Protein backbone atom coordinates (compact mmCIF):
# COMPACT_ATOMS: atom_id res chain seq x y z
CA UNK A 1 0.00 0.00 0.00
CA UNK A 2 1.27 3.48 -0.83
CA UNK A 3 1.08 5.10 2.59
CA UNK A 4 2.44 8.42 1.31
CA UNK A 5 -0.44 8.61 -1.14
CA UNK A 6 -2.95 7.95 1.65
CA UNK A 7 -1.36 10.70 3.73
CA UNK A 8 -1.51 13.19 0.83
CA UNK A 9 -5.15 12.35 0.08
CA UNK A 10 -6.17 12.77 3.73
CA UNK A 11 -4.30 16.07 3.85
CA UNK A 12 -6.22 17.30 0.78
CA UNK A 13 -9.52 16.09 2.20
CA UNK A 14 -9.00 17.84 5.52
CA UNK A 15 -7.42 21.02 4.11
CA UNK A 16 -10.65 23.02 4.39
CA UNK A 17 -11.57 21.76 7.85
CA UNK A 18 -12.20 24.45 10.44
CA UNK A 19 -13.48 22.29 13.29
CA UNK A 20 -10.12 21.78 14.94
CA UNK A 21 -9.93 18.23 13.64
CA UNK A 22 -8.03 19.04 10.47
CA UNK A 23 -4.76 17.64 9.27
CA UNK A 24 -2.75 19.23 12.09
CA UNK A 25 -4.81 17.21 14.58
CA UNK A 26 -4.43 14.06 12.49
CA UNK A 27 -0.66 14.63 12.36
CA UNK A 28 -0.48 14.86 16.14
CA UNK A 29 -2.53 11.68 16.51
CA UNK A 30 -0.36 9.97 13.90
CA UNK A 31 2.91 10.92 15.64
CA UNK A 32 1.66 9.64 18.97
CA UNK A 33 0.18 6.47 17.47
CA UNK A 34 3.36 5.55 15.60
CA UNK A 35 5.47 6.08 18.73
CA UNK A 36 3.11 3.90 20.77
CA UNK A 37 2.93 1.23 18.07
CA UNK A 38 6.71 0.88 18.07
CA UNK A 39 6.81 0.66 21.86
CA UNK A 40 4.01 -1.94 21.90
CA UNK A 41 5.32 -3.79 18.82
CA UNK A 42 2.05 -3.25 16.96
CA UNK A 43 1.62 -3.40 13.20
CA UNK A 44 2.87 0.08 12.25
CA UNK A 45 1.04 0.10 8.89
CA UNK A 46 -2.31 -0.62 10.53
CA UNK A 47 -1.70 2.05 13.16
CA UNK A 48 -0.58 4.50 10.47
CA UNK A 49 -3.82 4.02 8.53
CA UNK A 50 -6.03 4.17 11.63
CA UNK A 51 -4.41 7.40 12.79
CA UNK A 52 -4.68 9.03 9.38
CA UNK A 53 -8.25 7.98 8.70
CA UNK A 54 -9.84 8.31 12.14
CA UNK A 55 -11.56 11.65 11.39
CA UNK A 56 -12.19 11.28 7.65
CA UNK A 57 -15.85 10.37 8.18
CA UNK A 58 -16.39 13.71 9.94
CA UNK A 59 -15.65 15.70 6.78
C-alpha atoms as a PDB file:
ATOM      1  CA  UNK A   1       0.000   0.000   0.000  1.00  0.00           C
ATOM      2  CA  UNK A   2       1.270   3.476  -0.826  1.00  0.00           C
ATOM      3  CA  UNK A   3       1.078   5.102   2.589  1.00  0.00           C
ATOM      4  CA  UNK A   4       2.441   8.417   1.314  1.00  0.00           C
ATOM      5  CA  UNK A   5      -0.441   8.607  -1.141  1.00  0.00           C
ATOM      6  CA  UNK A   6      -2.954   7.946   1.645  1.00  0.00           C
ATOM      7  CA  UNK A   7      -1.364  10.705   3.734  1.00  0.00           C
ATOM      8  CA  UNK A   8      -1.510  13.186   0.834  1.00  0.00           C
ATOM      9  CA  UNK A   9      -5.155  12.352   0.083  1.00  0.00           C
ATOM     10  CA  UNK A  10      -6.170  12.767   3.725  1.00  0.00           C
ATOM     11  CA  UNK A  11      -4.299  16.068   3.846  1.00  0.00           C
ATOM     12  CA  UNK A  12      -6.220  17.295   0.780  1.00  0.00           C
ATOM     13  CA  UNK A  13      -9.523  16.091   2.200  1.00  0.00           C
ATOM     14  CA  UNK A  14      -8.999  17.843   5.524  1.00  0.00           C
ATOM     15  CA  UNK A  15      -7.422  21.021   4.111  1.00  0.00           C
ATOM     16  CA  UNK A  16     -10.646  23.020   4.395  1.00  0.00           C
ATOM     17  CA  UNK A  17     -11.570  21.761   7.854  1.00  0.00           C
ATOM     18  CA  UNK A  18     -12.198  24.452  10.439  1.00  0.00           C
ATOM     19  CA  UNK A  19     -13.481  22.294  13.285  1.00  0.00           C
ATOM     20  CA  UNK A  20     -10.115  21.777  14.938  1.00  0.00           C
ATOM     21  CA  UNK A  21      -9.933  18.227  13.640  1.00  0.00           C
ATOM     22  CA  UNK A  22      -8.031  19.037  10.472  1.00  0.00           C
ATOM     23  CA  UNK A  23      -4.758  17.638   9.273  1.00  0.00           C
ATOM     24  CA  UNK A  24      -2.746  19.226  12.094  1.00  0.00           C
ATOM     25  CA  UNK A  25      -4.812  17.206  14.581  1.00  0.00           C
ATOM     26  CA  UNK A  26      -4.431  14.063  12.489  1.00  0.00           C
ATOM     27  CA  UNK A  27      -0.662  14.629  12.359  1.00  0.00           C
ATOM     28  CA  UNK A  28      -0.475  14.856  16.144  1.00  0.00           C
ATOM     29  CA  UNK A  29      -2.533  11.678  16.512  1.00  0.00           C
ATOM     30  CA  UNK A  30      -0.356   9.973  13.900  1.00  0.00           C
ATOM     31  CA  UNK A  31       2.906  10.922  15.636  1.00  0.00           C
ATOM     32  CA  UNK A  32       1.663   9.639  18.974  1.00  0.00           C
ATOM     33  CA  UNK A  33       0.184   6.468  17.471  1.00  0.00           C
ATOM     34  CA  UNK A  34       3.362   5.554  15.604  1.00  0.00           C
ATOM     35  CA  UNK A  35       5.466   6.083  18.731  1.00  0.00           C
ATOM     36  CA  UNK A  36       3.111   3.896  20.770  1.00  0.00           C
ATOM     37  CA  UNK A  37       2.929   1.231  18.072  1.00  0.00           C
ATOM     38  CA  UNK A  38       6.707   0.876  18.071  1.00  0.00           C
ATOM     39  CA  UNK A  39       6.810   0.660  21.856  1.00  0.00           C
ATOM     40  CA  UNK A  40       4.011  -1.937  21.897  1.00  0.00           C
ATOM     41  CA  UNK A  41       5.321  -3.788  18.824  1.00  0.00           C
ATOM     42  CA  UNK A  42       2.048  -3.254  16.965  1.00  0.00           C
ATOM     43  CA  UNK A  43       1.615  -3.398  13.203  1.00  0.00           C
ATOM     44  CA  UNK A  44       2.871   0.076  12.253  1.00  0.00           C
ATOM     45  CA  UNK A  45       1.043   0.103   8.887  1.00  0.00           C
ATOM     46  CA  UNK A  46      -2.315  -0.616  10.534  1.00  0.00           C
ATOM     47  CA  UNK A  47      -1.703   2.048  13.163  1.00  0.00           C
ATOM     48  CA  UNK A  48      -0.580   4.501  10.469  1.00  0.00           C
ATOM     49  CA  UNK A  49      -3.820   4.016   8.534  1.00  0.00           C
ATOM     50  CA  UNK A  50      -6.033   4.171  11.626  1.00  0.00           C
ATOM     51  CA  UNK A  51      -4.407   7.395  12.793  1.00  0.00           C
ATOM     52  CA  UNK A  52      -4.677   9.035   9.382  1.00  0.00           C
ATOM     53  CA  UNK A  53      -8.248   7.979   8.703  1.00  0.00           C
ATOM     54  CA  UNK A  54      -9.842   8.305  12.138  1.00  0.00           C
ATOM     55  CA  UNK A  55     -11.565  11.647  11.393  1.00  0.00           C
ATOM     56  CA  UNK A  56     -12.192  11.278   7.649  1.00  0.00           C
ATOM     57  CA  UNK A  57     -15.853  10.369   8.180  1.00  0.00           C
ATOM     58  CA  UNK A  58     -16.386  13.711   9.938  1.00  0.00           C
ATOM     59  CA  UNK A  59     -15.650  15.695   6.776  1.00  0.00           C
END
